[in-house]
C-alpha atoms as a PDB file:
ATOM      1  CA  UNK A   1     -54.431  72.079  24.804  1.00  0.00           C
ATOM      2  CA  UNK A   2     -57.284  73.516  22.690  1.00  0.00           C
ATOM      3  CA  UNK A   3     -56.579  71.067  19.897  1.00  0.00           C
ATOM      4  CA  UNK A   4     -56.858  67.934  22.160  1.00  0.00           C
ATOM      5  CA  UNK A   5     -59.725  65.596  21.228  1.00  0.00           C
ATOM      6  CA  UNK A   6     -62.739  65.711  23.385  1.00  0.00           C
ATOM      7  CA  UNK A   7     -63.252  62.647  25.590  1.00  0.00           C
ATOM      8  CA  UNK A   8     -65.686  59.993  24.210  1.00  0.00           C
ATOM      9  CA  UNK A   9     -69.014  60.458  25.993  1.00  0.00           C
ATOM     10  CA  UNK A  10     -69.885  57.569  28.214  1.00  0.00           C
ATOM     11  CA  UNK A  11     -73.321  56.014  28.492  1.00  0.00           C
ATOM     12  CA  UNK A  12     -74.987  52.901  30.053  1.00  0.00           C
ATOM     13  CA  UNK A  13     -76.421  49.769  28.503  1.00  0.00           C
ATOM     14  CA  UNK A  14     -78.139  46.900  30.210  1.00  0.00           C
ATOM     15  CA  UNK A  15     -77.130  43.388  29.184  1.00  0.00           C
ATOM     16  CA  UNK A  16     -79.321  40.461  30.025  1.00  0.00           C
ATOM     17  CA  UNK A  17     -77.848  36.908  29.557  1.00  0.00           C
ATOM     18  CA  UNK A  18     -80.429  34.156  29.975  1.00  0.00           C
ATOM     19  CA  UNK A  19     -79.756  30.394  30.094  1.00  0.00           C
ATOM     20  CA  UNK A  20     -81.543  28.751  27.144  1.00  0.00           C
ATOM     21  CA  UNK A  21     -84.394  26.404  28.181  1.00  0.00           C
ATOM     22  CA  UNK A  22     -85.156  22.910  27.022  1.00  0.00           C
ATOM     23  CA  UNK A  23     -81.617  21.503  26.923  1.00  0.00           C
ATOM     24  CA  UNK A  24     -81.301  17.823  27.814  1.00  0.00           C
ATOM     25  CA  UNK A  25     -78.309  18.377  30.036  1.00  0.00           C
ATOM     26  CA  UNK A  26     -80.513  20.164  32.578  1.00  0.00           C
ATOM     27  CA  UNK A  27     -81.001  18.328  35.877  1.00  0.00           C
ATOM     28  CA  UNK A  28     -84.597  17.633  36.786  1.00  0.00           C
ATOM     29  CA  UNK A  29     -84.881  19.184  40.152  1.00  0.00           C
ATOM     30  CA  UNK A  30     -84.715  22.810  41.215  1.00  0.00           C
ATOM     31  CA  UNK A  31     -82.212  21.950  43.871  1.00  0.00           C
ATOM     32  CA  UNK A  32     -79.859  20.416  41.187  1.00  0.00           C
ATOM     33  CA  UNK A  33     -80.351  23.436  38.983  1.00  0.00           C
ATOM     34  CA  UNK A  34     -79.055  25.855  41.497  1.00  0.00           C
ATOM     35  CA  UNK A  35     -75.339  25.156  41.098  1.00  0.00           C
ATOM     36  CA  UNK A  36     -75.623  25.646  37.292  1.00  0.00           C
ATOM     37  CA  UNK A  37     -77.305  29.028  37.860  1.00  0.00           C
ATOM     38  CA  UNK A  38     -74.710  29.988  40.430  1.00  0.00           C
ATOM     39  CA  UNK A  39     -71.813  29.004  38.118  1.00  0.00           C
ATOM     40  CA  UNK A  40     -73.334  31.066  35.287  1.00  0.00           C
ATOM     41  CA  UNK A  41     -73.727  34.109  37.452  1.00  0.00           C
ATOM     42  CA  UNK A  42     -70.227  33.706  38.961  1.00  0.00           C
ATOM     43  CA  UNK A  43     -68.746  33.454  35.403  1.00  0.00           C
ATOM     44  CA  UNK A  44     -70.297  36.742  34.409  1.00  0.00           C
ATOM     45  CA  UNK A  45     -69.197  38.346  37.696  1.00  0.00           C
ATOM     46  CA  UNK A  46     -65.619  37.200  37.117  1.00  0.00           C
ATOM     47  CA  UNK A  47     -65.469  38.273  33.475  1.00  0.00           C
ATOM     48  CA  UNK A  48     -67.119  41.672  33.930  1.00  0.00           C
ATOM     49  CA  UNK A  49     -65.115  42.621  37.076  1.00  0.00           C
ATOM     50  CA  UNK A  50     -61.981  41.641  35.262  1.00  0.00           C
ATOM     51  CA  UNK A  51     -62.768  44.587  32.819  1.00  0.00           C
ATOM     52  CA  UNK A  52     -64.254  47.104  35.242  1.00  0.00           C
ATOM     53  CA  UNK A  53     -65.138  46.358  38.920  1.00  0.00           C
ATOM     54  CA  UNK A  54     -67.659  49.227  38.951  1.00  0.00           C
ATOM     55  CA  UNK A  55     -69.970  47.520  36.441  1.00  0.00           C
ATOM     56  CA  UNK A  56     -72.858  45.931  38.501  1.00  0.00           C
ATOM     57  CA  UNK A  57     -73.679  42.221  37.917  1.00  0.00           C
ATOM     58  CA  UNK A  58     -76.664  40.467  39.463  1.00  0.00           C
ATOM     59  CA  UNK A  59     -78.065  36.947  39.019  1.00  0.00           C
ATOM     60  CA  UNK A  60     -81.771  36.285  39.092  1.00  0.00           C
ATOM     61  CA  UNK A  61     -83.064  32.770  38.569  1.00  0.00           C
ATOM     62  CA  UNK A  62     -82.034  31.834  34.914  1.00  0.00           C
ATOM     63  CA  UNK A  63     -80.760  35.237  34.011  1.00  0.00           C
ATOM     64  CA  UNK A  64     -77.807  37.544  34.716  1.00  0.00           C
ATOM     65  CA  UNK A  65     -78.193  41.321  34.422  1.00  0.00           C
ATOM     66  CA  UNK A  66     -75.109  43.589  33.782  1.00  0.00           C
ATOM     67  CA  UNK A  67     -74.909  47.326  33.651  1.00  0.00           C
ATOM     68  CA  UNK A  68     -72.076  48.307  31.376  1.00  0.00           C
ATOM     69  CA  UNK A  69     -70.460  51.674  30.885  1.00  0.00           C
ATOM     70  CA  UNK A  70     -69.815  52.091  27.144  1.00  0.00           C
ATOM     71  CA  UNK A  71     -69.008  54.563  24.397  1.00  0.00           C
ATOM     72  CA  UNK A  72     -70.733  54.970  21.060  1.00  0.00           C
ATOM     73  CA  UNK A  73     -70.856  51.259  20.117  1.00  0.00           C
ATOM     74  CA  UNK A  74     -71.290  48.605  22.847  1.00  0.00           C
ATOM     75  CA  UNK A  75     -71.153  45.716  20.400  1.00  0.00           C
ATOM     76  CA  UNK A  76     -67.323  45.017  20.612  1.00  0.00           C
ATOM     77  CA  UNK A  77     -67.493  44.929  24.400  1.00  0.00           C
ATOM     78  CA  UNK A  78     -70.616  42.775  24.392  1.00  0.00           C
ATOM     79  CA  UNK A  79     -69.117  40.264  21.972  1.00  0.00           C
ATOM     80  CA  UNK A  80     -65.892  40.105  23.978  1.00  0.00           C
ATOM     81  CA  UNK A  81     -67.697  39.474  27.207  1.00  0.00           C
ATOM     82  CA  UNK A  82     -69.859  36.793  25.719  1.00  0.00           C
ATOM     83  CA  UNK A  83     -66.895  35.048  24.101  1.00  0.00           C
ATOM     84  CA  UNK A  84     -65.062  34.942  27.383  1.00  0.00           C
ATOM     85  CA  UNK A  85     -67.980  33.711  29.502  1.00  0.00           C
ATOM     86  CA  UNK A  86     -68.637  30.999  26.910  1.00  0.00           C
ATOM     87  CA  UNK A  87     -64.968  30.048  26.712  1.00  0.00           C
ATOM     88  CA  UNK A  88     -62.464  30.562  29.515  1.00  0.00           C
ATOM     89  CA  UNK A  89     -64.836  32.367  31.945  1.00  0.00           C
ATOM     90  CA  UNK A  90     -66.284  29.215  33.415  1.00  0.00           C
ATOM     91  CA  UNK A  91     -69.850  29.657  32.128  1.00  0.00           C
ATOM     92  CA  UNK A  92     -70.132  25.948  31.429  1.00  0.00           C
ATOM     93  CA  UNK A  93     -71.479  24.028  28.432  1.00  0.00           C
ATOM     94  CA  UNK A  94     -75.066  25.403  28.742  1.00  0.00           C
ATOM     95  CA  UNK A  95     -75.903  27.780  25.932  1.00  0.00           C
ATOM     96  CA  UNK A  96     -77.339  31.227  26.782  1.00  0.00           C
ATOM     97  CA  UNK A  97     -78.990  33.992  24.775  1.00  0.00           C
ATOM     98  CA  UNK A  98     -78.149  37.649  25.264  1.00  0.00           C
ATOM     99  CA  UNK A  99     -80.120  40.888  24.873  1.00  0.00           C
ATOM    100  CA  UNK A 100     -78.673  44.459  24.951  1.00  0.00           C
ATOM    101  CA  UNK A 101     -80.686  47.579  25.586  1.00  0.00           C
ATOM    102  CA  UNK A 102     -80.244  50.886  23.857  1.00  0.00           C
ATOM    103  CA  UNK A 103     -77.796  53.273  25.392  1.00  0.00           C
ATOM    104  CA  UNK A 104     -79.087  55.480  28.214  1.00  0.00           C
ATOM    105  CA  UNK A 105     -77.596  58.512  29.877  1.00  0.00           C
ATOM    106  CA  UNK A 106     -78.931  58.246  33.411  1.00  0.00           C
ATOM    107  CA  UNK A 107     -79.410  55.651  36.144  1.00  0.00           C
ATOM    108  CA  UNK A 108     -83.115  56.588  36.267  1.00  0.00           C
ATOM    109  CA  UNK A 109     -83.452  55.134  32.708  1.00  0.00           C
ATOM    110  CA  UNK A 110     -82.089  51.726  33.675  1.00  0.00           C
ATOM    111  CA  UNK A 111     -85.437  50.050  34.460  1.00  0.00           C
ATOM    112  CA  UNK A 112     -86.713  50.806  30.984  1.00  0.00           C
ATOM    113  CA  UNK A 113     -83.350  49.665  29.529  1.00  0.00           C
ATOM    114  CA  UNK A 114     -83.655  46.418  31.508  1.00  0.00           C
ATOM    115  CA  UNK A 115     -87.072  45.693  29.883  1.00  0.00           C
ATOM    116  CA  UNK A 116     -85.570  46.454  26.474  1.00  0.00           C
ATOM    117  CA  UNK A 117     -82.770  43.948  27.099  1.00  0.00           C
ATOM    118  CA  UNK A 118     -85.299  41.294  28.200  1.00  0.00           C
ATOM    119  CA  UNK A 119     -87.374  41.787  25.104  1.00  0.00           C
ATOM    120  CA  UNK A 120     -84.296  41.530  22.909  1.00  0.00           C
ATOM    121  CA  UNK A 121     -83.383  38.205  24.613  1.00  0.00           C
ATOM    122  CA  UNK A 122     -86.771  36.715  23.892  1.00  0.00           C
ATOM    123  CA  UNK A 123     -87.031  38.046  20.337  1.00  0.00           C
ATOM    124  CA  UNK A 124     -83.463  37.037  19.508  1.00  0.00           C
ATOM    125  CA  UNK A 125     -84.128  33.486  20.651  1.00  0.00           C
ATOM    126  CA  UNK A 126     -87.291  33.362  18.628  1.00  0.00           C
ATOM    127  CA  UNK A 127     -85.524  34.622  15.461  1.00  0.00           C
ATOM    128  CA  UNK A 128     -82.169  32.810  15.744  1.00  0.00           C
ATOM    129  CA  UNK A 129     -82.641  30.063  18.328  1.00  0.00           C
ATOM    130  CA  UNK A 130     -80.422  29.311  21.399  1.00  0.00           C
ATOM    131  CA  UNK A 131     -77.230  31.235  21.815  1.00  0.00           C
ATOM    132  CA  UNK A 132     -78.535  34.281  20.008  1.00  0.00           C
ATOM    133  CA  UNK A 133     -77.318  37.862  20.646  1.00  0.00           C
ATOM    134  CA  UNK A 134     -79.829  40.682  19.939  1.00  0.00           C
ATOM    135  CA  UNK A 135     -79.574  44.465  20.313  1.00  0.00           C
ATOM    136  CA  UNK A 136     -82.934  46.115  21.041  1.00  0.00           C
ATOM    137  CA  UNK A 137     -82.208  48.927  18.672  1.00  0.00           C
ATOM    138  CA  UNK A 138     -81.516  46.525  15.825  1.00  0.00           C
ATOM    139  CA  UNK A 139     -84.811  44.561  16.029  1.00  0.00           C
ATOM    140  CA  UNK A 140     -86.720  46.846  13.648  1.00  0.00           C
ATOM    141  CA  UNK A 141     -90.348  45.787  13.341  1.00  0.00           C
ATOM    142  CA  UNK A 142     -89.694  42.897  15.717  1.00  0.00           C
ATOM    143  CA  UNK A 143     -89.585  45.503  18.544  1.00  0.00           C
ATOM    144  CA  UNK A 144     -93.320  46.166  17.904  1.00  0.00           C
ATOM    145  CA  UNK A 145     -94.086  42.474  17.548  1.00  0.00           C
ATOM    146  CA  UNK A 146     -92.442  41.748  20.890  1.00  0.00           C
ATOM    147  CA  UNK A 147     -95.016  43.955  22.505  1.00  0.00           C
ATOM    148  CA  UNK A 148     -97.938  41.748  21.498  1.00  0.00           C
ATOM    149  CA  UNK A 149     -98.671  39.658  24.623  1.00  0.00           C
ATOM    150  CA  UNK A 150    -100.650  36.907  22.932  1.00  0.00           C
ATOM    151  CA  UNK A 151     -98.778  34.687  20.382  1.00  0.00           C
ATOM    152  CA  UNK A 152    -102.164  33.501  19.036  1.00  0.00           C
ATOM    153  CA  UNK A 153    -102.887  37.065  17.804  1.00  0.00           C
ATOM    154  CA  UNK A 154     -99.653  37.032  15.815  1.00  0.00           C
ATOM    155  CA  UNK A 155    -100.379  33.547  14.352  1.00  0.00           C
ATOM    156  CA  UNK A 156    -103.895  34.628  13.359  1.00  0.00           C
ATOM    157  CA  UNK A 157    -102.617  37.771  11.685  1.00  0.00           C
ATOM    158  CA  UNK A 158    -100.085  35.803   9.649  1.00  0.00           C
ATOM    159  CA  UNK A 159    -102.626  33.136   8.631  1.00  0.00           C
ATOM    160  CA  UNK A 160    -105.341  35.635   7.684  1.00  0.00           C
ATOM    161  CA  UNK A 161    -102.845  37.829   5.731  1.00  0.00           C
ATOM    162  CA  UNK A 162    -100.886  35.069   3.906  1.00  0.00           C
ATOM    163  CA  UNK A 163    -103.859  32.748   3.458  1.00  0.00           C
ATOM    164  CA  UNK A 164    -102.665  29.670   1.494  1.00  0.00           C
ATOM    165  CA  UNK A 165     -99.126  30.843   1.685  1.00  0.00           C
ATOM    166  CA  UNK A 166     -99.110  30.315   5.422  1.00  0.00           C
ATOM    167  CA  UNK A 167     -99.479  26.535   5.179  1.00  0.00           C
ATOM    168  CA  UNK A 168     -96.876  24.987   7.345  1.00  0.00           C
ATOM    169  CA  UNK A 169     -94.884  22.045   5.894  1.00  0.00           C
ATOM    170  CA  UNK A 170     -96.217  22.603   2.346  1.00  0.00           C
ATOM    171  CA  UNK A 171     -93.174  22.819  -0.007  1.00  0.00           C
ATOM    172  CA  UNK A 172     -95.216  24.792  -2.649  1.00  0.00           C
ATOM    173  CA  UNK A 173     -96.342  27.303  -0.121  1.00  0.00           C
ATOM    174  CA  UNK A 174     -92.877  27.685   1.254  1.00  0.00           C
ATOM    175  CA  UNK A 175     -91.505  28.174  -2.245  1.00  0.00           C
ATOM    176  CA  UNK A 176     -94.045  30.929  -3.044  1.00  0.00           C
ATOM    177  CA  UNK A 177     -93.300  32.601   0.294  1.00  0.00           C
ATOM    178  CA  UNK A 178     -89.590  32.760  -0.618  1.00  0.00           C
ATOM    179  CA  UNK A 179     -90.549  34.359  -3.948  1.00  0.00           C
ATOM    180  CA  UNK A 180     -92.730  36.847  -2.205  1.00  0.00           C
ATOM    181  CA  UNK A 181     -90.087  37.791   0.281  1.00  0.00           C
ATOM    182  CA  UNK A 182     -87.476  38.406  -2.402  1.00  0.00           C
ATOM    183  CA  UNK A 183     -89.957  40.562  -4.376  1.00  0.00           C
ATOM    184  CA  UNK A 184     -90.680  42.620  -1.259  1.00  0.00           C
ATOM    185  CA  UNK A 185     -86.889  42.800  -0.456  1.00  0.00           C
ATOM    186  CA  UNK A 186     -86.171  44.132  -4.018  1.00  0.00           C
ATOM    187  CA  UNK A 187     -89.063  46.733  -3.911  1.00  0.00           C
ATOM    188  CA  UNK A 188     -90.931  44.773  -6.576  1.00  0.00           C
ATOM    189  CA  UNK A 189     -88.031  44.887  -9.045  1.00  0.00           C
ATOM    190  CA  UNK A 190     -89.063  41.798 -10.997  1.00  0.00           C
ATOM    191  CA  UNK A 191     -85.842  41.553 -13.018  1.00  0.00           C
ATOM    192  CA  UNK A 192     -83.661  41.779  -9.945  1.00  0.00           C
ATOM    193  CA  UNK A 193     -85.876  39.318  -8.022  1.00  0.00           C
ATOM    194  CA  UNK A 194     -85.622  36.877 -10.950  1.00  0.00           C
ATOM    195  CA  UNK A 195     -81.883  37.158 -10.924  1.00  0.00           C
ATOM    196  CA  UNK A 196     -81.660  36.433  -7.164  1.00  0.00           C
ATOM    197  CA  UNK A 197     -84.027  33.498  -7.461  1.00  0.00           C
ATOM    198  CA  UNK A 198     -82.332  32.216 -10.600  1.00  0.00           C
ATOM    199  CA  UNK A 199     -85.649  32.228 -12.471  1.00  0.00           C
ATOM    200  CA  UNK A 200     -86.539  33.258 -15.971  1.00  0.00           C
ATOM    201  CA  UNK A 201     -88.298  36.616 -15.992  1.00  0.00           C
ATOM    202  CA  UNK A 202     -91.475  35.062 -17.388  1.00  0.00           C
ATOM    203  CA  UNK A 203     -91.326  32.321 -14.764  1.00  0.00           C
ATOM    204  CA  UNK A 204     -91.406  34.900 -12.019  1.00  0.00           C
ATOM    205  CA  UNK A 205     -94.280  36.754 -13.700  1.00  0.00           C
ATOM    206  CA  UNK A 206     -96.232  33.475 -13.648  1.00  0.00           C
ATOM    207  CA  UNK A 207     -95.437  33.012  -9.952  1.00  0.00           C
ATOM    208  CA  UNK A 208     -96.521  36.551  -9.175  1.00  0.00           C
ATOM    209  CA  UNK A 209     -99.872  35.736 -10.682  1.00  0.00           C
ATOM    210  CA  UNK A 210    -100.144  32.627  -8.422  1.00  0.00           C
ATOM    211  CA  UNK A 211     -99.265  34.656  -5.339  1.00  0.00           C
ATOM    212  CA  UNK A 212    -101.812  37.404  -6.171  1.00  0.00           C
ATOM    213  CA  UNK A 213    -104.615  34.791  -6.636  1.00  0.00           C
ATOM    214  CA  UNK A 214    -103.910  33.650  -3.055  1.00  0.00           C
ATOM    215  CA  UNK A 215    -103.218  36.878  -1.182  1.00  0.00           C
ATOM    216  CA  UNK A 216    -104.630  39.694  -3.415  1.00  0.00           C
ATOM    217  CA  UNK A 217    -103.085  42.309  -5.765  1.00  0.00           C
ATOM    218  CA  UNK A 218     -99.919  43.088  -3.654  1.00  0.00           C
ATOM    219  CA  UNK A 219     -98.089  44.553  -6.677  1.00  0.00           C
ATOM    220  CA  UNK A 220    -100.652  47.394  -6.754  1.00  0.00           C
ATOM    221  CA  UNK A 221    -101.302  47.858  -3.056  1.00  0.00           C
ATOM    222  CA  UNK A 222     -98.713  49.259  -0.698  1.00  0.00           C
ATOM    223  CA  UNK A 223    -100.891  48.624   2.332  1.00  0.00           C
ATOM    224  CA  UNK A 224    -101.159  44.906   1.454  1.00  0.00           C
ATOM    225  CA  UNK A 225     -97.353  44.692   0.899  1.00  0.00           C
ATOM    226  CA  UNK A 226     -96.841  46.109   4.406  1.00  0.00           C
ATOM    227  CA  UNK A 227     -99.171  43.553   5.892  1.00  0.00           C
ATOM    228  CA  UNK A 228     -97.506  40.743   3.965  1.00  0.00           C
ATOM    229  CA  UNK A 229     -94.058  41.868   5.050  1.00  0.00           C
ATOM    230  CA  UNK A 230     -95.092  41.842   8.721  1.00  0.00           C
ATOM    231  CA  UNK A 231     -96.851  38.476   8.339  1.00  0.00           C
ATOM    232  CA  UNK A 232     -93.729  36.939   6.805  1.00  0.00           C
ATOM    233  CA  UNK A 233     -91.668  38.239   9.735  1.00  0.00           C
ATOM    234  CA  UNK A 234     -94.062  36.660  12.201  1.00  0.00           C
ATOM    235  CA  UNK A 235     -93.510  33.272  10.421  1.00  0.00           C
ATOM    236  CA  UNK A 236     -89.754  33.719  11.115  1.00  0.00           C
ATOM    237  CA  UNK A 237     -90.422  33.886  14.871  1.00  0.00           C
ATOM    238  CA  UNK A 238     -90.053  30.514  16.661  1.00  0.00           C
ATOM    239  CA  UNK A 239     -92.245  29.128  19.397  1.00  0.00           C
ATOM    240  CA  UNK A 240     -95.451  30.906  18.343  1.00  0.00           C
END
């Protein structure tokens, strides 16, 4: 039938599920850890094979790697698998974070997709804590930040760019950082930013002056706004 719909093209994604570290329920010895790792891998094997036995599943240390055949949007399948492993699949009470690569068309592209999924796991956990789910193609600028091997470089960039606004545990600095973020998010629309922050317009203009005395004339300099935006995102990352 020439009017029949064309089949949905299939592609591959790599999913990496990694047990979250630092939980008090972890046994101390490596020998005692082994059953938990094995149960985690077995849960993924059971759940994935229940959908499609041809999807490979492999367990390595604290992580499980799955290659999934998917259509245009892998998110519904990923969410369904995670929910089943966490619930009835036997994954246990240990939380885990999940990273998903971009879709690839060939088996030869799977090693690069695996690295994408691993980076998504690490960045998702840094942004949202244990139990996070992150898709590599939704990380935005965090994709670039994940390539920086030395966290100290990121910390230094944030401190040097934000100056007094980078002070950790300082309520005034945190308050001004929030104001700066909203201004950047609203493309410097002062009236809209004041509305979102529930400030009077003149109060926000006063705050802008305080911020500029600390970090420089960001209202006039697009390059400085870019640096500030990246620095603020670095501060959102955990464990740096």
